Amino acid sequence: MRKSINIMSALLLFAFVFQGCEDFEEVTVPNFTVTPETTTAKVGEPVEFRVDNAPNFLQFYAGDFGHKYKFRDRTEAEGMVSMSFKNAQKYGLNNNATGTLTVMASADYDGSGTPEGIANATWMDISDRFNIATAYDFAWTESGEADITDLATGSPIYFALKFYAEDHKGNGHRQPEWRIADFNIVLSTEDAPAPLTVATTDAPGFLPVDVEGVVESWNTGKWYFDSSNDVWRFRGGPSDYVNEDWLVTNSINLTQVNPDKGIPLKSFSEKLDSFKYVYETPGKYTVTLVGTNTTIYGSQETVKELTITVTE
């Protein structure tokens, strides 16, 4: 009899453990609620959200610029693409006083950073779209917001600032110094209150290519970055030689944009009862909350939406 009881107890214990393992392996669907204290707020005032039964992980898409759930996977967008930069020059003389800087674009440059790569590529002169400095006092000239939408094909493209100066041949045709700053390419698209950044001076960045008139000095007769002033500089010298130097961007996709991001509110071990958010612009915002329960056995997700109206 005792032996039978022991066997039954062992079977019951095994069944309990087995059932417990099955329960442990089951990942529950998040069943949380997020309730705003008010659905109508004013610009600059915090909106508080109460959270009940928070999941393992919770992400918050506020619905404002850069935080829209519907754009979480967007990497390309359509719209008007414009390019701008500041430029300044000084010291050019005689035949080298004008026309030494041109703006070029290529869809087939190989990105090698070599004179051969420059020579083998097809380059389009787009200088006439920009204001290029003609004064000789280093006063900054704004290039203007040039429309380059026609170059946005969805394929990579390169832009270049080409310096070319004739040799002096003893005639005093001194080469100028150029300075370039605040290079920007932006994309104006639907649903964005401000243009989206496509490229800047730092990203994807520039690569100088010394084509002709190579000078040993590190900062003469070539493009170099002046980190103390945050500008690209070209310092032409008084020597008798032809000088051709290119400052070429790294590869750019003019329709590429960064996906919108959610704000992580909670990780697995954290407790979350409430959070606040401040809207800086009036409008009607679709707020999206993504709750996730995740274990080594899998993941379950729940997406919830609500609307917040923000007034002046």
C-alpha atoms as a PDB file:
ATOM      1  CA  MET A   1       0.000   0.000   0.000  1.00  0.00           C
ATOM      2  CA  ARG A   2       2.765   2.423   1.018  1.00  0.00           C
ATOM      3  CA  LYS A   3       4.589   1.563  -2.203  1.00  0.00           C
ATOM      4  CA  SER A   4       1.478   2.458  -4.242  1.00  0.00           C
ATOM      5  CA  ILE A   5       1.148   5.804  -2.411  1.00  0.00           C
ATOM      6  CA  ASN A   6       4.802   6.602  -3.138  1.00  0.00           C
ATOM      7  CA  ILE A   7       4.325   5.823  -6.822  1.00  0.00           C
ATOM      8  CA  MET A   8       1.205   7.981  -7.002  1.00  0.00           C
ATOM      9  CA  SER A   9       2.968  10.857  -5.251  1.00  0.00           C
ATOM     10  CA  ALA A  10       5.866  10.636  -7.685  1.00  0.00           C
ATOM     11  CA  LEU A  11       3.508  10.685 -10.650  1.00  0.00           C
ATOM     12  CA  LEU A  12       1.617  13.686  -9.264  1.00  0.00           C
ATOM     13  CA  LEU A  13       4.892  15.523  -8.628  1.00  0.00           C
ATOM     14  CA  PHE A  14       6.086  14.756 -12.171  1.00  0.00           C
ATOM     15  CA  ALA A  15       2.786  15.984 -13.630  1.00  0.00           C
ATOM     16  CA  PHE A  16       3.010  19.184 -11.533  1.00  0.00           C
ATOM     17  CA  VAL A  17       6.580  19.893 -12.641  1.00  0.00           C
ATOM     18  CA  PHE A  18       5.790  19.078 -16.266  1.00  0.00           C
ATOM     19  CA  GLN A  19       2.742  21.373 -16.214  1.00  0.00           C
ATOM     20  CA  GLY A  20       4.829  24.082 -14.530  1.00  0.00           C
ATOM     21  CA  CYS A  21       7.442  23.859 -17.278  1.00  0.00           C
ATOM     22  CA  GLU A  22       4.754  24.196 -19.920  1.00  0.00           C
ATOM     23  CA  ASP A  23       3.347  27.236 -18.137  1.00  0.00           C
ATOM     24  CA  PHE A  24       6.822  28.720 -17.818  1.00  0.00           C
ATOM     25  CA  GLU A  25       7.483  28.235 -21.515  1.00  0.00           C
ATOM     26  CA  GLU A  26       4.256  30.016 -22.478  1.00  0.00           C
ATOM     27  CA  VAL A  27       4.824  33.723 -23.248  1.00  0.00           C
ATOM     28  CA  THR A  28       1.756  35.760 -22.351  1.00  0.00           C
ATOM     29  CA  VAL A  29       0.334  38.415 -24.645  1.00  0.00           C
ATOM     30  CA  PRO A  30       0.857  41.888 -23.106  1.00  0.00           C
ATOM     31  CA  ASN A  31      -2.357  43.180 -21.576  1.00  0.00           C
ATOM     32  CA  PHE A  32      -1.403  46.670 -20.449  1.00  0.00           C
ATOM     33  CA  THR A  33      -3.261  49.965 -20.426  1.00  0.00           C
ATOM     34  CA  VAL A  34      -1.877  53.480 -20.842  1.00  0.00           C
ATOM     35  CA  THR A  35      -4.177  56.338 -19.891  1.00  0.00           C
ATOM     36  CA  PRO A  36      -3.339  60.027 -20.372  1.00  0.00           C
ATOM     37  CA  GLU A  37      -4.340  62.413 -17.583  1.00  0.00           C
ATOM     38  CA  THR A  38      -5.750  64.617 -20.340  1.00  0.00           C
ATOM     39  CA  THR A  39      -6.216  64.214 -24.088  1.00  0.00           C
ATOM     40  CA  THR A  40      -5.945  67.966 -24.651  1.00  0.00           C
ATOM     41  CA  ALA A  41      -2.763  69.760 -23.650  1.00  0.00           C
ATOM     42  CA  LYS A  42      -0.892  72.985 -24.357  1.00  0.00           C
ATOM     43  CA  VAL A  43       2.493  73.426 -25.992  1.00  0.00           C
ATOM     44  CA  GLY A  44       5.268  73.107 -23.423  1.00  0.00           C
ATOM     45  CA  GLU A  45       3.088  71.515 -20.747  1.00  0.00           C
ATOM     46  CA  PRO A  46       3.903  67.937 -19.676  1.00  0.00           C
ATOM     47  CA  VAL A  47       1.320  65.307 -20.491  1.00  0.00           C
ATOM     48  CA  GLU A  48       1.301  62.546 -17.900  1.00  0.00           C
ATOM     49  CA  PHE A  49       0.414  58.975 -18.847  1.00  0.00           C
ATOM     50  CA  ARG A  50      -0.582  56.299 -16.291  1.00  0.00           C
ATOM     51  CA  VAL A  51       0.541  52.740 -16.960  1.00  0.00           C
ATOM     52  CA  ASP A  52      -1.213  49.663 -15.587  1.00  0.00           C
ATOM     53  CA  ASN A  53       0.086  46.111 -15.854  1.00  0.00           C
ATOM     54  CA  ALA A  54       3.199  47.182 -17.762  1.00  0.00           C
ATOM     55  CA  PRO A  55       4.741  44.493 -20.021  1.00  0.00           C
ATOM     56  CA  ASN A  56       8.387  43.398 -19.945  1.00  0.00           C
ATOM     57  CA  PHE A  57       9.299  46.107 -22.454  1.00  0.00           C
ATOM     58  CA  LEU A  58       7.417  49.240 -23.466  1.00  0.00           C
ATOM     59  CA  GLN A  59       8.177  51.695 -26.274  1.00  0.00           C
ATOM     60  CA  PHE A  60       6.488  55.058 -26.749  1.00  0.00           C
ATOM     61  CA  TYR A  61       5.978  56.750 -30.140  1.00  0.00           C
ATOM     62  CA  ALA A  62       4.783  60.271 -29.316  1.00  0.00           C
ATOM     63  CA  GLY A  63       3.483  60.914 -32.848  1.00  0.00           C
ATOM     64  CA  ASP A  64       5.483  64.107 -33.331  1.00  0.00           C
ATOM     65  CA  PHE A  65       8.347  64.717 -35.754  1.00  0.00           C
ATOM     66  CA  GLY A  66      10.829  61.828 -35.666  1.00  0.00           C
ATOM     67  CA  HIS A  67       8.613  59.686 -33.405  1.00  0.00           C
ATOM     68  CA  LYS A  68       5.878  58.327 -35.662  1.00  0.00           C
ATOM     69  CA  TYR A  69       5.134  54.626 -35.466  1.00  0.00           C
ATOM     70  CA  LYS A  70       4.085  54.451 -39.124  1.00  0.00           C
ATOM     71  CA  PHE A  71       7.575  55.600 -40.153  1.00  0.00           C
ATOM     72  CA  ARG A  72       9.480  53.186 -37.909  1.00  0.00           C
ATOM     73  CA  ASP A  73      10.697  51.184 -40.927  1.00  0.00           C
ATOM     74  CA  ARG A  74      10.958  54.043 -43.430  1.00  0.00           C
ATOM     75  CA  THR A  75      14.432  54.391 -44.912  1.00  0.00           C
ATOM     76  CA  GLU A  76      13.559  56.323 -48.090  1.00  0.00           C
ATOM     77  CA  ALA A  77      11.189  59.199 -48.782  1.00  0.00           C
ATOM     78  CA  GLU A  78      10.100  61.354 -51.695  1.00  0.00           C
ATOM     79  CA  GLY A  79      10.187  65.121 -51.823  1.00  0.00           C
ATOM     80  CA  MET A  80      12.287  68.147 -52.747  1.00  0.00           C
ATOM     81  CA  VAL A  81      16.030  67.722 -52.158  1.00  0.00           C
ATOM     82  CA  SER A  82      18.158  70.826 -51.669  1.00  0.00           C
ATOM     83  CA  MET A  83      21.861  71.417 -51.090  1.00  0.00           C
ATOM     84  CA  SER A  84      23.655  74.360 -49.503  1.00  0.00           C
ATOM     85  CA  PHE A  85      27.041  75.393 -48.124  1.00  0.00           C
ATOM     86  CA  LYS A  86      29.015  78.487 -47.175  1.00  0.00           C
ATOM     87  CA  ASN A  87      32.064  79.485 -49.194  1.00  0.00           C
ATOM     88  CA  ALA A  88      34.678  82.215 -49.015  1.00  0.00           C
ATOM     89  CA  GLN A  89      37.896  83.096 -50.883  1.00  0.00           C
ATOM     90  CA  LYS A  90      40.846  85.462 -50.866  1.00  0.00           C
ATOM     91  CA  TYR A  91      44.232  86.108 -52.495  1.00  0.00           C
ATOM     92  CA  GLY A  92      43.417  85.059 -56.073  1.00  0.00           C
ATOM     93  CA  LEU A  93      45.175  87.227 -58.694  1.00  0.00           C
ATOM     94  CA  ASN A  94      44.760  87.819 -62.424  1.00  0.00           C
ATOM     95  CA  ASN A  95      43.545  84.702 -64.281  1.00  0.00           C
ATOM     96  CA  ASN A  96      43.202  82.845 -60.973  1.00  0.00           C
ATOM     97  CA  ALA A  97      40.984  85.493 -59.393  1.00  0.00           C
ATOM     98  CA  THR A  98      37.714  83.909 -60.583  1.00  0.00           C
ATOM     99  CA  GLY A  99      36.372  80.560 -61.684  1.00  0.00           C
ATOM    100  CA  THR A 100      38.727  78.388 -59.631  1.00  0.00           C
ATOM    101  CA  LEU A 101      35.923  76.634 -57.736  1.00  0.00           C
ATOM    102  CA  THR A 102      33.214  74.519 -59.371  1.00  0.00           C
ATOM    103  CA  VAL A 103      30.570  72.169 -57.983  1.00  0.00           C
ATOM    104  CA  MET A 104      30.376  68.743 -59.603  1.00  0.00           C
ATOM    105  CA  ALA A 105      28.155  65.655 -59.334  1.00  0.00           C
ATOM    106  CA  SER A 106      28.665  62.054 -60.470  1.00  0.00           C
ATOM    107  CA  ALA A 107      26.557  58.925 -60.369  1.00  0.00           C
ATOM    108  CA  ASP A 108      29.332  56.599 -61.571  1.00  0.00           C
ATOM    109  CA  TYR A 109      32.381  57.673 -59.558  1.00  0.00           C
ATOM    110  CA  ASP A 110      33.911  54.612 -57.886  1.00  0.00           C
ATOM    111  CA  GLY A 111      34.644  56.313 -54.565  1.00  0.00           C
ATOM    112  CA  SER A 112      38.283  55.256 -54.707  1.00  0.00           C
ATOM    113  CA  GLY A 113      39.757  58.634 -53.807  1.00  0.00           C
ATOM    114  CA  THR A 114      42.298  58.374 -56.633  1.00  0.00           C
ATOM    115  CA  PRO A 115      43.036  60.630 -59.614  1.00  0.00           C
ATOM    116  CA  GLU A 116      42.209  57.681 -61.880  1.00  0.00           C
ATOM    117  CA  GLY A 117      38.812  57.318 -60.241  1.00  0.00           C
ATOM    118  CA  ILE A 118      38.119  61.011 -60.765  1.00  0.00           C
ATOM    119  CA  ALA A 119      39.226  60.835 -64.415  1.00  0.00           C
ATOM    120  CA  ASN A 120      37.166  57.741 -65.230  1.00  0.00           C
ATOM    121  CA  ALA A 121      33.913  59.101 -63.778  1.00  0.00           C
ATOM    122  CA  THR A 122      31.269  61.145 -65.581  1.00  0.00           C
ATOM    123  CA  TRP A 123      30.926  64.504 -63.843  1.00  0.00           C
ATOM    124  CA  MET A 124      28.159  67.088 -64.231  1.00  0.00           C
ATOM    125  CA  ASP A 125      28.951  70.743 -63.533  1.00  0.00           C
ATOM    126  CA  ILE A 126      26.139  72.109 -61.336  1.00  0.00           C
ATOM    127  CA  SER A 127      27.940  75.292 -60.255  1.00  0.00           C
ATOM    128  CA  ASP A 128      25.296  77.536 -61.819  1.00  0.00           C
ATOM    129  CA  ARG A 129      22.815  76.410 -59.148  1.00  0.00           C
ATOM    130  CA  PHE A 130      24.871  78.039 -56.385  1.00  0.00           C
ATOM    131  CA  ASN A 131      26.198  81.422 -55.343  1.00  0.00           C
ATOM    132  CA  ILE A 132      29.995  81.176 -55.485  1.00  0.00           C
ATOM    133  CA  ALA A 133      32.057  83.843 -53.709  1.00  0.00           C
ATOM    134  CA  THR A 134      33.635  86.543 -55.862  1.00  0.00           C
ATOM    135  CA  ALA A 135      34.815  88.896 -53.104  1.00  0.00           C
ATOM    136  CA  TYR A 136      38.399  88.546 -51.892  1.00  0.00           C
ATOM    137  CA  ASP A 137      37.964  89.234 -48.182  1.00  0.00           C
ATOM    138  CA  PHE A 138      36.984  85.831 -46.757  1.00  0.00           C
ATOM    139  CA  ALA A 139      33.447  87.102 -46.153  1.00  0.00           C
ATOM    140  CA  TRP A 140      31.114  84.091 -46.164  1.00  0.00           C
ATOM    141  CA  THR A 141      28.874  83.693 -49.196  1.00  0.00           C
ATOM    142  CA  GLU A 142      25.725  81.611 -48.744  1.00  0.00           C
ATOM    143  CA  SER A 143      25.387  79.269 -51.715  1.00  0.00           C
ATOM    144  CA  GLY A 144      21.607  79.347 -51.454  1.00  0.00           C
ATOM    145  CA  GLU A 145      19.260  76.365 -51.196  1.00  0.00           C
ATOM    146  CA  ALA A 146      19.851  74.762 -54.597  1.00  0.00           C
ATOM    147  CA  ASP A 147      17.219  72.316 -55.848  1.00  0.00           C
ATOM    148  CA  ILE A 148      18.919  69.006 -56.706  1.00  0.00           C
ATOM    149  CA  THR A 149      15.772  66.865 -56.775  1.00  0.00           C
ATOM    150  CA  ASP A 150      16.529  65.891 -60.376  1.00  0.00           C
ATOM    151  CA  LEU A 151      19.631  64.059 -59.116  1.00  0.00           C
ATOM    152  CA  ALA A 152      17.659  61.967 -56.613  1.00  0.00           C
ATOM    153  CA  THR A 153      17.319  58.653 -58.451  1.00  0.00           C
ATOM    154  CA  GLY A 154      17.479  56.316 -55.464  1.00  0.00           C
ATOM    155  CA  SER A 155      21.023  55.321 -56.420  1.00  0.00           C
ATOM    156  CA  PRO A 156      24.211  56.584 -54.750  1.00  0.00           C
ATOM    157  CA  ILE A 157      25.674  59.887 -55.958  1.00  0.00           C
ATOM    158  CA  TYR A 158      28.818  61.865 -55.205  1.00  0.00           C
ATOM    159  CA  PHE A 159      29.297  65.627 -55.032  1.00  0.00           C
ATOM    160  CA  ALA A 160      32.613  67.420 -55.339  1.00  0.00           C
ATOM    161  CA  LEU A 161      34.131  70.856 -54.936  1.00  0.00           C
ATOM    162  CA  LYS A 162      36.721  71.044 -57.678  1.00  0.00           C
ATOM    163  CA  PHE A 163      39.604  73.510 -57.446  1.00  0.00           C
ATOM    164  CA  TYR A 164      41.503  74.298 -60.634  1.00  0.00           C
ATOM    165  CA  ALA A 165      44.097  77.035 -61.119  1.00  0.00           C
ATOM    166  CA  GLU A 166      46.366  77.739 -64.048  1.00  0.00           C
ATOM    167  CA  ASP A 167      50.109  77.884 -63.637  1.00  0.00           C
ATOM    168  CA  HIS A 168      51.669  81.291 -63.042  1.00  0.00           C
ATOM    169  CA  LYS A 169      54.446  81.236 -65.625  1.00  0.00           C
ATOM    170  CA  GLY A 170      55.959  84.209 -63.835  1.00  0.00           C
ATOM    171  CA  ASN A 171      52.865  86.375 -64.439  1.00  0.00           C
ATOM    172  CA  GLY A 172      51.796  86.582 -60.795  1.00  0.00           C
ATOM    173  CA  HIS A 173      48.626  84.553 -61.213  1.00  0.00           C
ATOM    174  CA  ARG A 174      48.466  83.679 -57.522  1.00  0.00           C
ATOM    175  CA  GLN A 175      46.162  80.835 -56.536  1.00  0.00           C
ATOM    176  CA  PRO A 176      43.442  81.743 -54.029  1.00  0.00           C
ATOM    177  CA  GLU A 177      42.529  80.229 -50.706  1.00  0.00           C
ATOM    178  CA  TRP A 178      39.026  78.788 -50.381  1.00  0.00           C
ATOM    179  CA  ARG A 179      37.054  77.959 -47.264  1.00  0.00           C
ATOM    180  CA  ILE A 180      33.988  75.721 -47.169  1.00  0.00           C
ATOM    181  CA  ALA A 181      31.627  75.227 -44.219  1.00  0.00           C
ATOM    182  CA  ASP A 182      28.108  74.137 -43.236  1.00  0.00           C
ATOM    183  CA  PHE A 183      27.568  71.696 -46.116  1.00  0.00           C
ATOM    184  CA  ASN A 184      23.985  70.395 -45.939  1.00  0.00           C
ATOM    185  CA  ILE A 185      21.626  68.315 -48.032  1.00  0.00           C
ATOM    186  CA  VAL A 186      18.028  68.145 -46.825  1.00  0.00           C
ATOM    187  CA  LEU A 187      14.824  66.479 -47.997  1.00  0.00           C
ATOM    188  CA  SER A 188      11.481  68.253 -47.621  1.00  0.00           C
ATOM    189  CA  THR A 189       8.775  65.625 -47.512  1.00  0.00           C
ATOM    190  CA  GLU A 190       5.170  65.113 -46.469  1.00  0.00           C
ATOM    191  CA  ASP A 191       4.320  64.726 -42.788  1.00  0.00           C
ATOM    192  CA  ALA A 192       7.536  66.446 -41.727  1.00  0.00           C
ATOM    193  CA  PRO A 193       7.305  69.939 -40.207  1.00  0.00           C
ATOM    194  CA  ALA A 194      10.985  70.473 -40.974  1.00  0.00           C
ATOM    195  CA  PRO A 195      13.304  69.159 -43.696  1.00  0.00           C
ATOM    196  CA  LEU A 196      14.938  65.797 -43.048  1.00  0.00           C
ATOM    197  CA  THR A 197      18.738  65.757 -42.950  1.00  0.00           C
ATOM    198  CA  VAL A 198      20.316  63.682 -45.717  1.00  0.00           C
ATOM    199  CA  ALA A 199      23.976  64.758 -45.462  1.00  0.00           C
ATOM    200  CA  THR A 200      26.191  67.187 -43.553  1.00  0.00           C
ATOM    201  CA  THR A 201      29.858  68.152 -43.529  1.00  0.00           C
ATOM    202  CA  ASP A 202      30.555  65.264 -41.136  1.00  0.00           C
ATOM    203  CA  ALA A 203      28.152  62.614 -42.413  1.00  0.00           C
ATOM    204  CA  PRO A 204      28.889  61.047 -44.789  1.00  0.00           C
ATOM    205  CA  GLY A 205      31.934  63.331 -44.907  1.00  0.00           C
ATOM    206  CA  PHE A 206      34.482  64.320 -47.563  1.00  0.00           C
ATOM    207  CA  LEU A 207      37.616  62.824 -49.074  1.00  0.00           C
ATOM    208  CA  PRO A 208      40.252  65.107 -50.688  1.00  0.00           C
ATOM    209  CA  VAL A 209      41.814  63.926 -53.966  1.00  0.00           C
ATOM    210  CA  ASP A 210      45.035  65.589 -55.191  1.00  0.00           C
ATOM    211  CA  VAL A 211      44.905  65.252 -58.988  1.00  0.00           C
ATOM    212  CA  GLU A 212      47.598  67.629 -60.243  1.00  0.00           C
ATOM    213  CA  GLY A 213      50.128  69.962 -58.654  1.00  0.00           C
ATOM    214  CA  VAL A 214      51.044  67.718 -55.725  1.00  0.00           C
ATOM    215  CA  VAL A 215      52.880  69.657 -53.011  1.00  0.00           C
ATOM    216  CA  GLU A 216      54.725  67.994 -50.148  1.00  0.00           C
ATOM    217  CA  SER A 217      53.569  70.513 -47.551  1.00  0.00           C
ATOM    218  CA  TRP A 218      50.564  69.085 -45.716  1.00  0.00           C
ATOM    219  CA  ASN A 219      48.457  72.251 -45.866  1.00  0.00           C
ATOM    220  CA  THR A 220      49.475  73.941 -49.132  1.00  0.00           C
ATOM    221  CA  GLY A 221      48.068  73.298 -52.606  1.00  0.00           C
ATOM    222  CA  LYS A 222      45.493  70.779 -51.377  1.00  0.00           C
ATOM    223  CA  TRP A 223      42.209  70.469 -49.487  1.00  0.00           C
ATOM    224  CA  TYR A 224      42.524  69.875 -45.751  1.00  0.00           C
ATOM    225  CA  PHE A 225      40.201  70.120 -42.766  1.00  0.00           C
ATOM    226  CA  ASP A 226      40.867  72.942 -40.331  1.00  0.00           C
ATOM    227  CA  SER A 227      39.458  71.438 -37.128  1.00  0.00           C
ATOM    228  CA  SER A 228      40.083  74.592 -35.088  1.00  0.00           C
ATOM    229  CA  ASN A 229      37.627  76.521 -37.294  1.00  0.00           C
ATOM    230  CA  ASP A 230      35.493  73.577 -38.438  1.00  0.00           C
ATOM    231  CA  VAL A 231      36.041  74.373 -42.133  1.00  0.00           C
ATOM    232  CA  TRP A 232      37.567  72.743 -45.191  1.00  0.00           C
ATOM    233  CA  ARG A 233      40.377  74.892 -46.605  1.00  0.00           C
ATOM    234  CA  PHE A 234      42.304  75.044 -49.825  1.00  0.00           C
ATOM    235  CA  ARG A 235      45.485  77.127 -49.629  1.00  0.00           C
ATOM    236  CA  GLY A 236      46.811  77.939 -53.078  1.00  0.00           C
ATOM    237  CA  GLY A 237      50.457  78.966 -53.300  1.00  0.00           C
ATOM    238  CA  PRO A 238      52.490  81.357 -55.434  1.00  0.00           C
ATOM    239  CA  SER A 239      54.489  78.635 -57.217  1.00  0.00           C
ATOM    240  CA  ASP A 240      54.383  78.145 -60.988  1.00  0.00           C
ATOM    241  CA  TYR A 241      52.291  75.011 -61.442  1.00  0.00           C
ATOM    242  CA  VAL A 242      48.832  73.888 -62.535  1.00  0.00           C
ATOM    243  CA  ASN A 243      46.786  72.848 -59.514  1.00  0.00           C
ATOM    244  CA  GLU A 244      43.757  70.553 -59.605  1.00  0.00           C
ATOM    245  CA  ASP A 245      42.291  69.226 -56.379  1.00  0.00           C
ATOM    246  CA  TRP A 246      38.913  67.697 -55.605  1.00  0.00           C
ATOM    247  CA  LEU A 247      36.997  67.574 -52.348  1.00  0.00           C
ATOM    248  CA  VAL A 248      34.556  64.700 -52.856  1.00  0.00           C
ATOM    249  CA  THR A 249      31.734  63.551 -50.625  1.00  0.00           C
ATOM    250  CA  ASN A 250      31.396  59.946 -49.674  1.00  0.00           C
ATOM    251  CA  SER A 251      28.483  58.108 -51.279  1.00  0.00           C
ATOM    252  CA  ILE A 252      25.072  59.734 -50.704  1.00  0.00           C
ATOM    253  CA  ASN A 253      21.573  58.411 -51.366  1.00  0.00           C
ATOM    254  CA  LEU A 254      19.449  61.546 -51.732  1.00  0.00           C
ATOM    255  CA  THR A 255      16.185  59.774 -50.870  1.00  0.00           C
ATOM    256  CA  GLN A 256      17.534  57.984 -47.809  1.00  0.00           C
ATOM    257  CA  VAL A 257      16.241  59.059 -44.400  1.00  0.00           C
ATOM    258  CA  ASN A 258      16.551  57.770 -40.857  1.00  0.00           C
ATOM    259  CA  PRO A 259      13.603  55.719 -39.558  1.00  0.00           C
ATOM    260  CA  ASP A 260      11.493  57.283 -36.829  1.00  0.00           C
ATOM    261  CA  LYS A 261      12.301  56.014 -33.363  1.00  0.00           C
ATOM    262  CA  GLY A 262      10.287  55.127 -30.319  1.00  0.00           C
ATOM    263  CA  ILE A 263      11.336  56.086 -26.814  1.00  0.00           C
ATOM    264  CA  PRO A 264      12.083  53.055 -24.627  1.00  0.00           C
ATOM    265  CA  LEU A 265      10.203  53.489 -21.356  1.00  0.00           C
ATOM    266  CA  LYS A 266      10.814  50.187 -19.642  1.00  0.00           C
ATOM    267  CA  SER A 267      13.130  47.208 -19.724  1.00  0.00           C
ATOM    268  CA  PHE A 268      12.484  43.766 -18.273  1.00  0.00           C
ATOM    269  CA  SER A 269      13.386  44.390 -14.616  1.00  0.00           C
ATOM    270  CA  GLU A 270      12.114  47.958 -14.280  1.00  0.00           C
ATOM    271  CA  LYS A 271       8.820  49.053 -12.770  1.00  0.00           C
ATOM    272  CA  LEU A 272       6.737  51.647 -14.589  1.00  0.00           C
ATOM    273  CA  ASP A 273       3.589  53.294 -13.252  1.00  0.00           C
ATOM    274  CA  SER A 274       3.622  56.551 -15.213  1.00  0.00           C
ATOM    275  CA  PHE A 275       5.648  58.783 -17.539  1.00  0.00           C
ATOM    276  CA  LYS A 276       5.487  62.317 -18.959  1.00  0.00           C
ATOM    277  CA  TYR A 277       6.032  63.871 -22.376  1.00  0.00           C
ATOM    278  CA  VAL A 278       6.165  67.485 -23.587  1.00  0.00           C
ATOM    279  CA  TYR A 279       4.932  68.505 -27.052  1.00  0.00           C
ATOM    280  CA  GLU A 280       6.614  71.572 -28.568  1.00  0.00           C
ATOM    281  CA  THR A 281       4.281  72.116 -31.531  1.00  0.00           C
ATOM    282  CA  PRO A 282       0.482  72.329 -31.692  1.00  0.00           C
ATOM    283  CA  GLY A 283      -1.326  69.591 -33.554  1.00  0.00           C
ATOM    284  CA  LYS A 284      -3.218  66.333 -33.304  1.00  0.00           C
ATOM    285  CA  TYR A 285      -0.885  63.442 -32.489  1.00  0.00           C
ATOM    286  CA  THR A 286      -1.402  59.714 -32.815  1.00  0.00           C
ATOM    287  CA  VAL A 287       0.398  58.185 -29.840  1.00  0.00           C
ATOM    288  CA  THR A 288       1.470  54.568 -30.252  1.00  0.00           C
ATOM    289  CA  LEU A 289       2.641  52.240 -27.483  1.00  0.00           C
ATOM    290  CA  VAL A 290       4.326  48.952 -28.235  1.00  0.00           C
ATOM    291  CA  GLY A 291       4.385  46.468 -25.376  1.00  0.00           C
ATOM    292  CA  THR A 292       6.437  43.297 -25.580  1.00  0.00           C
ATOM    293  CA  ASN A 293       6.738  40.238 -23.347  1.00  0.00           C
ATOM    294  CA  THR A 294       9.910  38.366 -24.204  1.00  0.00           C
ATOM    295  CA  THR A 295      11.604  35.286 -22.776  1.00  0.00           C
ATOM    296  CA  ILE A 296      14.007  32.706 -24.133  1.00  0.00           C
ATOM    297  CA  TYR A 297      10.930  30.828 -25.330  1.00  0.00           C
ATOM    298  CA  GLY A 298       9.556  33.567 -27.556  1.00  0.00           C
ATOM    299  CA  SER A 299       7.957  36.989 -27.743  1.00  0.00           C
ATOM    300  CA  GLN A 300       4.457  38.456 -27.795  1.00  0.00           C
ATOM    301  CA  GLU A 301       3.617  42.039 -28.783  1.00  0.00           C
ATOM    302  CA  THR A 302       0.641  44.344 -28.310  1.00  0.00           C
ATOM    303  CA  VAL A 303       0.269  47.723 -30.055  1.00  0.00           C
ATOM    304  CA  LYS A 304      -2.101  50.363 -28.711  1.00  0.00           C
ATOM    305  CA  GLU A 305      -2.980  53.825 -29.996  1.00  0.00           C
ATOM    306  CA  LEU A 306      -4.506  56.961 -28.526  1.00  0.00           C
ATOM    307  CA  THR A 307      -4.821  60.596 -29.612  1.00  0.00           C
ATOM    308  CA  ILE A 308      -3.497  63.739 -27.976  1.00  0.00           C
ATOM    309  CA  THR A 309      -4.488  67.221 -29.146  1.00  0.00           C
ATOM    310  CA  VAL A 310      -1.991  69.998 -28.421  1.00  0.00           C
ATOM    311  CA  THR A 311      -2.946  73.690 -28.617  1.00  0.00           C
ATOM    312  CA  GLU A 312      -1.017  76.958 -28.302  1.00  0.00           C
END
